């Protein structure tokens, strides 16, 4: 459940780090642990830099652990800007807790 004007964002990578949150959103985010079933975490190389990524699998027992954050629409736009150079796209997923959240994955 979110408050009016907020969205949920699931992070399995660098957006969980306090320094990245402060640089991206201007504040530290409070979040809760959750996971994304049917996905595995991978490492992708882009422009000679390694990035975490996720990809779907056919095994529902596979899961990616991470943190879900409640953020504003403006902060979601800031997250889009942060992730754009990594060639990620934002998709809406249902987490193991049953909530829907945005997550970034590389195309």
PDB file of N, CA and C in Angstrom:
ATOM      1  N   UNK A   1       0.843  -1.182   0.000  1.00  0.00           N
ATOM      2  CA  UNK A   1       0.000   0.000   0.000  1.00  0.00           C
ATOM      3  C   UNK A   1       0.888   1.246   0.000  1.00  0.00           C
ATOM      4  N   UNK A   2       0.542   2.175  -0.828  1.00  0.00           N
ATOM      5  CA  UNK A   2       1.327   3.409  -0.928  1.00  0.00           C
ATOM      6  C   UNK A   2       0.467   4.599  -0.541  1.00  0.00           C
ATOM      7  N   UNK A   3       1.129   5.674  -0.188  1.00  0.00           N
ATOM      8  CA  UNK A   3       0.408   6.906   0.109  1.00  0.00           C
ATOM      9  C   UNK A   3       0.138   7.643  -1.202  1.00  0.00           C
ATOM     10  N   UNK A   4      -0.760   8.600  -1.169  1.00  0.00           N
ATOM     11  CA  UNK A   4      -1.106   9.357  -2.371  1.00  0.00           C
ATOM     12  C   UNK A   4       0.137  10.018  -2.950  1.00  0.00           C
ATOM     13  N   UNK A   5       0.312   9.881  -4.263  1.00  0.00           N
ATOM     14  CA  UNK A   5       1.437  10.506  -4.949  1.00  0.00           C
ATOM     15  C   UNK A   5       2.745   9.744  -4.831  1.00  0.00           C
ATOM     16  N   UNK A   6       2.687   8.513  -4.318  1.00  0.00           N
ATOM     17  CA  UNK A   6       3.920   7.740  -4.208  1.00  0.00           C
ATOM     18  C   UNK A   6       3.837   6.464  -5.041  1.00  0.00           C
ATOM     19  N   UNK A   7       4.993   5.900  -5.304  1.00  0.00           N
ATOM     20  CA  UNK A   7       5.113   4.652  -6.057  1.00  0.00           C
ATOM     21  C   UNK A   7       6.101   3.758  -5.327  1.00  0.00           C
ATOM     22  N   UNK A   8       6.117   2.485  -5.686  1.00  0.00           N
ATOM     23  CA  UNK A   8       7.049   1.541  -5.089  1.00  0.00           C
ATOM     24  C   UNK A   8       8.140   1.198  -6.094  1.00  0.00           C
ATOM     25  N   UNK A   9       9.355   1.149  -5.617  1.00  0.00           N
ATOM     26  CA  UNK A   9      10.520   0.816  -6.434  1.00  0.00           C
ATOM     27  C   UNK A   9      11.277  -0.314  -5.760  1.00  0.00           C
ATOM     28  N   UNK A  10      11.528  -1.402  -6.497  1.00  0.00           N
ATOM     29  CA  UNK A  10      12.288  -2.539  -5.990  1.00  0.00           C
ATOM     30  C   UNK A  10      13.714  -2.432  -6.510  1.00  0.00           C
ATOM     31  N   UNK A  11      14.670  -2.481  -5.599  1.00  0.00           N
ATOM     32  CA  UNK A  11      16.081  -2.404  -5.976  1.00  0.00           C
ATOM     33  C   UNK A  11      16.810  -3.657  -5.528  1.00  0.00           C
ATOM     34  N   UNK A  12      17.610  -4.199  -6.420  1.00  0.00           N
ATOM     35  CA  UNK A  12      18.459  -5.344  -6.111  1.00  0.00           C
ATOM     36  C   UNK A  12      19.935  -4.965  -6.247  1.00  0.00           C
ATOM     37  N   UNK A  13      20.205  -3.691  -6.463  1.00  0.00           N
ATOM     38  CA  UNK A  13      21.577  -3.245  -6.729  1.00  0.00           C
ATOM     39  C   UNK A  13      21.917  -1.954  -6.020  1.00  0.00           C
ATOM     40  N   UNK A  14      22.545  -1.050  -6.746  1.00  0.00           N
ATOM     41  CA  UNK A  14      23.168   0.122  -6.156  1.00  0.00           C
ATOM     42  C   UNK A  14      22.200   1.126  -5.540  1.00  0.00           C
ATOM     43  N   UNK A  15      20.938   1.125  -5.948  1.00  0.00           N
ATOM     44  CA  UNK A  15      19.989   2.057  -5.336  1.00  0.00           C
ATOM     45  C   UNK A  15      19.685   1.699  -3.884  1.00  0.00           C
ATOM     46  N   UNK A  16      20.214   0.577  -3.410  1.00  0.00           N
ATOM     47  CA  UNK A  16      20.087   0.216  -2.000  1.00  0.00           C
ATOM     48  C   UNK A  16      21.146   0.908  -1.141  1.00  0.00           C
ATOM     49  N   UNK A  17      22.177   1.482  -1.778  1.00  0.00           N
ATOM     50  CA  UNK A  17      23.290   2.081  -1.047  1.00  0.00           C
ATOM     51  C   UNK A  17      22.963   3.515  -0.634  1.00  0.00           C
ATOM     52  N   UNK A  18      23.256   3.829   0.624  1.00  0.00           N
ATOM     53  CA  UNK A  18      22.945   5.151   1.165  1.00  0.00           C
ATOM     54  C   UNK A  18      23.554   6.280   0.341  1.00  0.00           C
ATOM     55  N   UNK A  19      24.822   6.153  -0.051  1.00  0.00           N
ATOM     56  CA  UNK A  19      25.467   7.230  -0.801  1.00  0.00           C
ATOM     57  C   UNK A  19      24.818   7.439  -2.171  1.00  0.00           C
ATOM     58  N   UNK A  20      24.380   6.366  -2.804  1.00  0.00           N
ATOM     59  CA  UNK A  20      23.690   6.482  -4.097  1.00  0.00           C
ATOM     60  C   UNK A  20      22.323   7.126  -3.903  1.00  0.00           C
ATOM     61  N   UNK A  21      21.622   6.761  -2.839  1.00  0.00           N
ATOM     62  CA  UNK A  21      20.314   7.354  -2.556  1.00  0.00           C
ATOM     63  C   UNK A  21      20.435   8.859  -2.316  1.00  0.00           C
ATOM     64  N   UNK A  22      21.414   9.258  -1.532  1.00  0.00           N
ATOM     65  CA  UNK A  22      21.583  10.682  -1.240  1.00  0.00           C
ATOM     66  C   UNK A  22      21.943  11.444  -2.516  1.00  0.00           C
ATOM     67  N   UNK A  23      22.808  10.877  -3.339  1.00  0.00           N
ATOM     68  CA  UNK A  23      23.185  11.535  -4.591  1.00  0.00           C
ATOM     69  C   UNK A  23      22.018  11.585  -5.575  1.00  0.00           C
ATOM     70  N   UNK A  24      21.170  10.573  -5.571  1.00  0.00           N
ATOM     71  CA  UNK A  24      20.070  10.485  -6.538  1.00  0.00           C
ATOM     72  C   UNK A  24      18.805  11.188  -6.061  1.00  0.00           C
ATOM     73  N   UNK A  25      18.463  11.005  -4.783  1.00  0.00           N
ATOM     74  CA  UNK A  25      17.183  11.502  -4.258  1.00  0.00           C
ATOM     75  C   UNK A  25      17.332  12.647  -3.252  1.00  0.00           C
ATOM     76  N   UNK A  26      18.554  12.901  -2.809  1.00  0.00           N
ATOM     77  CA  UNK A  26      18.772  13.944  -1.813  1.00  0.00           C
ATOM     78  C   UNK A  26      18.423  13.518  -0.402  1.00  0.00           C
ATOM     79  N   UNK A  27      18.197  12.219  -0.208  1.00  0.00           N
ATOM     80  CA  UNK A  27      17.863  11.699   1.119  1.00  0.00           C
ATOM     81  C   UNK A  27      18.115  10.199   1.156  1.00  0.00           C
ATOM     82  N   UNK A  28      18.215   9.682   2.360  1.00  0.00           N
ATOM     83  CA  UNK A  28      18.306   8.232   2.532  1.00  0.00           C
ATOM     84  C   UNK A  28      16.891   7.669   2.541  1.00  0.00           C
ATOM     85  N   UNK A  29      16.681   6.581   1.823  1.00  0.00           N
ATOM     86  CA  UNK A  29      15.362   5.970   1.748  1.00  0.00           C
ATOM     87  C   UNK A  29      15.186   4.916   2.836  1.00  0.00           C
ATOM     88  N   UNK A  30      13.975   4.790   3.323  1.00  0.00           N
ATOM     89  CA  UNK A  30      13.618   3.692   4.224  1.00  0.00           C
ATOM     90  C   UNK A  30      12.938   2.639   3.367  1.00  0.00           C
ATOM     91  N   UNK A  31      13.336   1.393   3.522  1.00  0.00           N
ATOM     92  CA  UNK A  31      12.754   0.343   2.706  1.00  0.00           C
ATOM     93  C   UNK A  31      12.545  -0.922   3.506  1.00  0.00           C
ATOM     94  N   UNK A  32      11.985  -1.912   2.836  1.00  0.00           N
ATOM     95  CA  UNK A  32      11.784  -3.216   3.468  1.00  0.00           C
ATOM     96  C   UNK A  32      12.217  -4.307   2.500  1.00  0.00           C
ATOM     97  N   UNK A  33      12.700  -5.397   3.058  1.00  0.00           N
ATOM     98  CA  UNK A  33      13.154  -6.513   2.231  1.00  0.00           C
ATOM     99  C   UNK A  33      11.979  -7.164   1.519  1.00  0.00           C
ATOM    100  N   UNK A  34      12.257  -7.616   0.311  1.00  0.00           N
ATOM    101  CA  UNK A  34      11.272  -8.354  -0.470  1.00  0.00           C
ATOM    102  C   UNK A  34      12.073  -9.135  -1.505  1.00  0.00           C
ATOM    103  N   UNK A  35      11.388  -9.875  -2.357  1.00  0.00           N
ATOM    104  CA  UNK A  35      12.092 -10.602  -3.415  1.00  0.00           C
ATOM    105  C   UNK A  35      11.189 -10.720  -4.634  1.00  0.00           C
ATOM    106  N   UNK A  36      11.831 -10.973  -5.758  1.00  0.00           N
ATOM    107  CA  UNK A  36      11.149 -11.103  -7.044  1.00  0.00           C
ATOM    108  C   UNK A  36      11.304 -12.537  -7.516  1.00  0.00           C
ATOM    109  N   UNK A  37      10.213 -13.303  -7.461  1.00  0.00           N
ATOM    110  CA  UNK A  37      10.235 -14.712  -7.836  1.00  0.00           C
ATOM    111  C   UNK A  37      10.305 -14.867  -9.348  1.00  0.00           C
ATOM    112  N   UNK A  38      10.955 -15.955  -9.783  1.00  0.00           N
ATOM    113  CA  UNK A  38      11.035 -16.265 -11.208  1.00  0.00           C
ATOM    114  C   UNK A  38      12.099 -15.491 -11.950  1.00  0.00           C
ATOM    115  N   UNK A  39      13.023 -14.871 -11.217  1.00  0.00           N
ATOM    116  CA  UNK A  39      14.127 -14.111 -11.807  1.00  0.00           C
ATOM    117  C   UNK A  39      15.429 -14.522 -11.129  1.00  0.00           C
ATOM    118  N   UNK A  40      16.525 -14.326 -11.833  1.00  0.00           N
ATOM    119  CA  UNK A  40      17.859 -14.489 -11.259  1.00  0.00           C
ATOM    120  C   UNK A  40      18.645 -13.212 -11.509  1.00  0.00           C
ATOM    121  N   UNK A  41      19.592 -12.967 -10.617  1.00  0.00           N
ATOM    122  CA  UNK A  41      20.470 -11.799 -10.761  1.00  0.00           C
ATOM    123  C   UNK A  41      21.689 -12.221 -11.568  1.00  0.00           C
ATOM    124  N   UNK A  42      22.060 -11.381 -12.518  1.00  0.00           N
ATOM    125  CA  UNK A  42      23.210 -11.642 -13.376  1.00  0.00           C
ATOM    126  C   UNK A  42      24.121 -10.420 -13.358  1.00  0.00           C
ATOM    127  N   UNK A  43      25.258 -10.558 -13.974  1.00  0.00           N
ATOM    128  CA  UNK A  43      26.162  -9.428 -14.155  1.00  0.00           C
ATOM    129  C   UNK A  43      26.294  -9.189 -15.649  1.00  0.00           C
ATOM    130  N   UNK A  44      26.111  -7.937 -16.049  1.00  0.00           N
ATOM    131  CA  UNK A  44      26.170  -7.542 -17.450  1.00  0.00           C
ATOM    132  C   UNK A  44      27.315  -6.565 -17.642  1.00  0.00           C
ATOM    133  N   UNK A  45      28.017  -6.686 -18.756  1.00  0.00           N
ATOM    134  CA  UNK A  45      29.068  -5.722 -19.072  1.00  0.00           C
ATOM    135  C   UNK A  45      28.560  -4.772 -20.144  1.00  0.00           C
ATOM    136  N   UNK A  46      28.689  -3.494 -19.862  1.00  0.00           N
ATOM    137  CA  UNK A  46      28.313  -2.465 -20.826  1.00  0.00           C
ATOM    138  C   UNK A  46      29.396  -1.406 -20.810  1.00  0.00           C
ATOM    139  N   UNK A  47      29.955  -1.137 -21.954  1.00  0.00           N
ATOM    140  CA  UNK A  47      31.020  -0.136 -22.071  1.00  0.00           C
ATOM    141  C   UNK A  47      32.141  -0.392 -21.071  1.00  0.00           C
ATOM    142  N   UNK A  48      32.522  -1.648 -20.950  1.00  0.00           N
ATOM    143  CA  UNK A  48      33.619  -2.097 -20.088  1.00  0.00           C
ATOM    144  C   UNK A  48      33.375  -1.853 -18.603  1.00  0.00           C
ATOM    145  N   UNK A  49      32.090  -1.734 -18.207  1.00  0.00           N
ATOM    146  CA  UNK A  49      31.712  -1.604 -16.804  1.00  0.00           C
ATOM    147  C   UNK A  49      30.731  -2.730 -16.491  1.00  0.00           C
ATOM    148  N   UNK A  50      30.878  -3.340 -15.308  1.00  0.00           N
ATOM    149  CA  UNK A  50      29.991  -4.424 -14.902  1.00  0.00           C
ATOM    150  C   UNK A  50      28.792  -3.864 -14.130  1.00  0.00           C
ATOM    151  N   UNK A  51      27.597  -4.353 -14.472  1.00  0.00           N
ATOM    152  CA  UNK A  51      26.364  -3.943 -13.821  1.00  0.00           C
ATOM    153  C   UNK A  51      25.590  -5.179 -13.410  1.00  0.00           C
ATOM    154  N   UNK A  52      24.865  -5.057 -12.284  1.00  0.00           N
ATOM    155  CA  UNK A  52      23.923  -6.102 -11.921  1.00  0.00           C
ATOM    156  C   UNK A  52      22.726  -6.001 -12.847  1.00  0.00           C
ATOM    157  N   UNK A  53      22.134  -7.127 -13.127  1.00  0.00           N
ATOM    158  CA  UNK A  53      20.947  -7.184 -13.958  1.00  0.00           C
ATOM    159  C   UNK A  53      20.082  -8.324 -13.442  1.00  0.00           C
ATOM    160  N   UNK A  54      18.858  -8.400 -13.913  1.00  0.00           N
ATOM    161  CA  UNK A  54      18.000  -9.538 -13.624  1.00  0.00           C
ATOM    162  C   UNK A  54      17.456 -10.067 -14.932  1.00  0.00           C
ATOM    163  N   UNK A  55      17.150 -11.351 -14.921  1.00  0.00           N
ATOM    164  CA  UNK A  55      16.501 -11.933 -16.092  1.00  0.00           C
ATOM    165  C   UNK A  55      15.517 -12.992 -15.624  1.00  0.00           C
ATOM    166  N   UNK A  56      14.396 -13.111 -16.344  1.00  0.00           N
ATOM    167  CA  UNK A  56      13.403 -14.114 -15.957  1.00  0.00           C
ATOM    168  C   UNK A  56      13.907 -15.529 -16.225  1.00  0.00           C
ATOM    169  N   UNK A  57      13.417 -16.459 -15.419  1.00  0.00           N
ATOM    170  CA  UNK A  57      13.722 -17.877 -15.620  1.00  0.00           C
ATOM    171  C   UNK A  57      12.404 -18.638 -15.671  1.00  0.00           C
ATOM    172  N   UNK A  58      12.473 -19.877 -16.023  1.00  0.00           N
ATOM    173  CA  UNK A  58      11.270 -20.710 -16.036  1.00  0.00           C
ATOM    174  C   UNK A  58      11.047 -21.391 -14.684  1.00  0.00           C
ATOM    175  N   UNK A  59      11.939 -21.149 -13.715  1.00  0.00           N
ATOM    176  CA  UNK A  59      11.841 -21.784 -12.408  1.00  0.00           C
ATOM    177  C   UNK A  59      11.255 -20.794 -11.390  1.00  0.00           C
ATOM    178  N   UNK A  60      10.025 -21.046 -10.912  1.00  0.00           N
ATOM    179  CA  UNK A  60       9.422 -20.123  -9.948  1.00  0.00           C
ATOM    180  C   UNK A  60      10.142 -20.109  -8.597  1.00  0.00           C
ATOM    181  N   UNK A  61      11.016 -21.094  -8.353  1.00  0.00           N
ATOM    182  CA  UNK A  61      11.792 -21.117  -7.111  1.00  0.00           C
ATOM    183  C   UNK A  61      12.958 -20.135  -7.155  1.00  0.00           C
ATOM    184  N   UNK A  62      13.386 -19.729  -8.350  1.00  0.00           N
ATOM    185  CA  UNK A  62      14.429 -18.709  -8.461  1.00  0.00           C
ATOM    186  C   UNK A  62      13.874 -17.394  -7.921  1.00  0.00           C
ATOM    187  N   UNK A  63      14.722 -16.608  -7.286  1.00  0.00           N
ATOM    188  CA  UNK A  63      14.266 -15.315  -6.768  1.00  0.00           C
ATOM    189  C   UNK A  63      15.445 -14.381  -6.591  1.00  0.00           C
ATOM    190  N   UNK A  64      15.176 -13.110  -6.783  1.00  0.00           N
ATOM    191  CA  UNK A  64      16.152 -12.049  -6.576  1.00  0.00           C
ATOM    192  C   UNK A  64      15.744 -11.306  -5.310  1.00  0.00           C
ATOM    193  N   UNK A  65      16.653 -11.229  -4.345  1.00  0.00           N
ATOM    194  CA  UNK A  65      16.399 -10.489  -3.106  1.00  0.00           C
ATOM    195  C   UNK A  65      16.744  -9.028  -3.311  1.00  0.00           C
ATOM    196  N   UNK A  66      16.037  -8.179  -2.584  1.00  0.00           N
ATOM    197  CA  UNK A  66      16.309  -6.755  -2.676  1.00  0.00           C
ATOM    198  C   UNK A  66      15.492  -5.990  -1.660  1.00  0.00           C
ATOM    199  N   UNK A  67      15.323  -4.710  -1.934  1.00  0.00           N
ATOM    200  CA  UNK A  67      14.611  -3.811  -1.041  1.00  0.00           C
ATOM    201  C   UNK A  67      13.571  -3.043  -1.830  1.00  0.00           C
ATOM    202  N   UNK A  68      12.388  -2.910  -1.260  1.00  0.00           N
ATOM    203  CA  UNK A  68      11.329  -2.114  -1.892  1.00  0.00           C
ATOM    204  C   UNK A  68      11.220  -0.793  -1.134  1.00  0.00           C
ATOM    205  N   UNK A  69      11.192   0.292  -1.912  1.00  0.00           N
ATOM    206  CA  UNK A  69      11.140   1.641  -1.367  1.00  0.00           C
ATOM    207  C   UNK A  69       9.871   2.337  -1.834  1.00  0.00           C
ATOM    208  N   UNK A  70       9.273   3.116  -0.955  1.00  0.00           N
ATOM    209  CA  UNK A  70       8.165   3.985  -1.343  1.00  0.00           C
ATOM    210  C   UNK A  70       8.759   5.355  -1.634  1.00  0.00           C
ATOM    211  N   UNK A  71       8.602   5.807  -2.879  1.00  0.00           N
ATOM    212  CA  UNK A  71       9.192   7.076  -3.309  1.00  0.00           C
ATOM    213  C   UNK A  71       8.144   7.907  -4.034  1.00  0.00           C
ATOM    214  N   UNK A  72       8.473   9.155  -4.279  1.00  0.00           N
ATOM    215  CA  UNK A  72       7.566  10.045  -5.003  1.00  0.00           C
ATOM    216  C   UNK A  72       7.746   9.857  -6.513  1.00  0.00           C
ATOM    217  N   UNK A  73       6.795  10.375  -7.276  1.00  0.00           N
ATOM    218  CA  UNK A  73       6.916  10.361  -8.743  1.00  0.00           C
ATOM    219  C   UNK A  73       8.166  11.123  -9.185  1.00  0.00           C
ATOM    220  N   UNK A  74       8.484  12.230  -8.512  1.00  0.00           N
ATOM    221  CA  UNK A  74       9.696  12.995  -8.840  1.00  0.00           C
ATOM    222  C   UNK A  74      10.953  12.168  -8.575  1.00  0.00           C
ATOM    223  N   UNK A  75      10.948  11.411  -7.488  1.00  0.00           N
ATOM    224  CA  UNK A  75      12.102  10.551  -7.190  1.00  0.00           C
ATOM    225  C   UNK A  75      12.203   9.408  -8.196  1.00  0.00           C
ATOM    226  N   UNK A  76      11.061   8.923  -8.681  1.00  0.00           N
ATOM    227  CA  UNK A  76      11.092   7.894  -9.723  1.00  0.00           C
ATOM    228  C   UNK A  76      11.729   8.451 -10.990  1.00  0.00           C
ATOM    229  N   UNK A  77      11.419   9.688 -11.316  1.00  0.00           N
ATOM    230  CA  UNK A  77      12.053  10.335 -12.474  1.00  0.00           C
ATOM    231  C   UNK A  77      13.563  10.465 -12.245  1.00  0.00           C
ATOM    232  N   UNK A  78      13.978  10.758 -11.014  1.00  0.00           N
ATOM    233  CA  UNK A  78      15.406  10.835 -10.691  1.00  0.00           C
ATOM    234  C   UNK A  78      16.055   9.455 -10.830  1.00  0.00           C
ATOM    235  N   UNK A  79      15.348   8.412 -10.434  1.00  0.00           N
ATOM    236  CA  UNK A  79      15.857   7.050 -10.601  1.00  0.00           C
ATOM    237  C   UNK A  79      15.986   6.702 -12.082  1.00  0.00           C
ATOM    238  N   UNK A  80      15.005   7.117 -12.888  1.00  0.00           N
ATOM    239  CA  UNK A  80      15.091   6.906 -14.341  1.00  0.00           C
ATOM    240  C   UNK A  80      16.361   7.550 -14.890  1.00  0.00           C
ATOM    241  N   UNK A  81      16.629   8.751 -14.452  1.00  0.00           N
ATOM    242  CA  UNK A  81      17.821   9.462 -14.913  1.00  0.00           C
ATOM    243  C   UNK A  81      19.097   8.737 -14.462  1.00  0.00           C
ATOM    244  N   UNK A  82      19.107   8.267 -13.229  1.00  0.00           N
ATOM    245  CA  UNK A  82      20.264   7.535 -12.699  1.00  0.00           C
ATOM    246  C   UNK A  82      20.523   6.270 -13.516  1.00  0.00           C
ATOM    247  N   UNK A  83      19.474   5.553 -13.895  1.00  0.00           N
ATOM    248  CA  UNK A  83      19.614   4.267 -14.581  1.00  0.00           C
ATOM    249  C   UNK A  83      19.779   4.376 -16.097  1.00  0.00           C
ATOM    250  N   UNK A  84      19.516   5.529 -16.704  1.00  0.00           N
ATOM    251  CA  UNK A  84      19.500   5.629 -18.170  1.00  0.00           C
ATOM    252  C   UNK A  84      20.835   5.287 -18.820  1.00  0.00           C
ATOM    253  N   UNK A  85      21.938   5.662 -18.200  1.00  0.00           N
ATOM    254  CA  UNK A  85      23.244   5.375 -18.793  1.00  0.00           C
ATOM    255  C   UNK A  85      23.604   3.896 -18.737  1.00  0.00           C
ATOM    256  N   UNK A  86      22.889   3.161 -17.933  1.00  0.00           N
ATOM    257  CA  UNK A  86      23.133   1.725 -17.811  1.00  0.00           C
ATOM    258  C   UNK A  86      22.278   0.920 -18.790  1.00  0.00           C
ATOM    259  N   UNK A  87      21.511   1.625 -19.603  1.00  0.00           N
ATOM    260  CA  UNK A  87      20.657   1.017 -20.622  1.00  0.00           C
ATOM    261  C   UNK A  87      19.601   0.093 -20.023  1.00  0.00           C
ATOM    262  N   UNK A  88      19.104   0.467 -18.845  1.00  0.00           N
ATOM    263  CA  UNK A  88      18.019  -0.282 -18.217  1.00  0.00           C
ATOM    264  C   UNK A  88      16.687   0.251 -18.688  1.00  0.00           C
ATOM    265  N   UNK A  89      15.681  -0.568 -18.546  1.00  0.00           N
ATOM    266  CA  UNK A  89      14.310  -0.109 -18.739  1.00  0.00           C
ATOM    267  C   UNK A  89      13.555  -0.433 -17.458  1.00  0.00           C
ATOM    268  N   UNK A  90      12.536   0.323 -17.194  1.00  0.00           N
ATOM    269  CA  UNK A  90      11.743   0.128 -15.980  1.00  0.00           C
ATOM    270  C   UNK A  90      10.510  -0.686 -16.325  1.00  0.00           C
ATOM    271  N   UNK A  91      10.261  -1.763 -15.539  1.00  0.00           N
ATOM    272  CA  UNK A  91       9.086  -2.601 -15.747  1.00  0.00           C
ATOM    273  C   UNK A  91       8.347  -2.753 -14.415  1.00  0.00           C
ATOM    274  N   UNK A  92       7.061  -3.010 -14.495  1.00  0.00           N
ATOM    275  CA  UNK A  92       6.240  -3.226 -13.318  1.00  0.00           C
ATOM    276  C   UNK A  92       6.176  -4.728 -13.049  1.00  0.00           C
ATOM    277  N   UNK A  93       6.484  -5.130 -11.816  1.00  0.00           N
ATOM    278  CA  UNK A  93       6.503  -6.540 -11.449  1.00  0.00           C
ATOM    279  C   UNK A  93       5.705  -6.745 -10.161  1.00  0.00           C
ATOM    280  N   UNK A  94       5.333  -7.991  -9.909  1.00  0.00           N
ATOM    281  CA  UNK A  94       4.698  -8.358  -8.648  1.00  0.00           C
ATOM    282  C   UNK A  94       5.730  -9.092  -7.805  1.00  0.00           C
ATOM    283  N   UNK A  95       5.982  -8.572  -6.617  1.00  0.00           N
ATOM    284  CA  UNK A  95       6.972  -9.151  -5.712  1.00  0.00           C
ATOM    285  C   UNK A  95       6.357 -10.305  -4.920  1.00  0.00           C
ATOM    286  N   UNK A  96       7.203 -11.066  -4.247  1.00  0.00           N
ATOM    287  CA  UNK A  96       6.717 -12.204  -3.457  1.00  0.00           C
ATOM    288  C   UNK A  96       5.699 -11.786  -2.411  1.00  0.00           C
ATOM    289  N   UNK A  97       5.807 -10.576  -1.908  1.00  0.00           N
ATOM    290  CA  UNK A  97       4.859 -10.083  -0.904  1.00  0.00           C
ATOM    291  C   UNK A  97       3.472  -9.832  -1.494  1.00  0.00           C
ATOM    292  N   UNK A  98       3.383  -9.849  -2.831  1.00  0.00           N
ATOM    293  CA  UNK A  98       2.113  -9.600  -3.511  1.00  0.00           C
ATOM    294  C   UNK A  98       1.939  -8.174  -3.980  1.00  0.00           C
ATOM    295  N   UNK A  99       2.860  -7.288  -3.602  1.00  0.00           N
ATOM    296  CA  UNK A  99       2.743  -5.897  -4.040  1.00  0.00           C
ATOM    297  C   UNK A  99       3.372  -5.713  -5.412  1.00  0.00           C
ATOM    298  N   UNK A 100       2.920  -4.695  -6.118  1.00  0.00           N
ATOM    299  CA  UNK A 100       3.512  -4.358  -7.409  1.00  0.00           C
ATOM    300  C   UNK A 100       4.490  -3.207  -7.217  1.00  0.00           C
ATOM    301  N   UNK A 101       5.624  -3.317  -7.895  1.00  0.00           N
ATOM    302  CA  UNK A 101       6.654  -2.287  -7.790  1.00  0.00           C
ATOM    303  C   UNK A 101       7.375  -2.180  -9.128  1.00  0.00           C
ATOM    304  N   UNK A 102       7.969  -1.022  -9.351  1.00  0.00           N
ATOM    305  CA  UNK A 102       8.825  -0.836 -10.513  1.00  0.00           C
ATOM    306  C   UNK A 102      10.193  -1.444 -10.225  1.00  0.00           C
ATOM    307  N   UNK A 103      10.827  -1.958 -11.267  1.00  0.00           N
ATOM    308  CA  UNK A 103      12.191  -2.478 -11.158  1.00  0.00           C
ATOM    309  C   UNK A 103      12.885  -2.184 -12.478  1.00  0.00           C
ATOM    310  N   UNK A 104      14.199  -2.010 -12.413  1.00  0.00           N
ATOM    311  CA  UNK A 104      14.996  -1.757 -13.618  1.00  0.00           C
ATOM    312  C   UNK A 104      15.692  -3.034 -14.037  1.00  0.00           C
ATOM    313  N   UNK A 105      15.675  -3.281 -15.351  1.00  0.00           N
ATOM    314  CA  UNK A 105      16.440  -4.398 -15.907  1.00  0.00           C
ATOM    315  C   UNK A 105      17.002  -3.966 -17.254  1.00  0.00           C
ATOM    316  N   UNK A 106      18.072  -4.602 -17.617  1.00  0.00           N
ATOM    317  CA  UNK A 106      18.731  -4.271 -18.888  1.00  0.00           C
ATOM    318  C   UNK A 106      18.047  -5.006 -20.009  1.00  0.00           C
ATOM    319  N   UNK A 107      17.783  -4.317 -21.071  1.00  0.00           N
ATOM    320  CA  UNK A 107      17.090  -4.897 -22.235  1.00  0.00           C
ATOM    321  C   UNK A 107      17.996  -5.885 -22.936  1.00  0.00           C
TER     322      UNK A 107
END
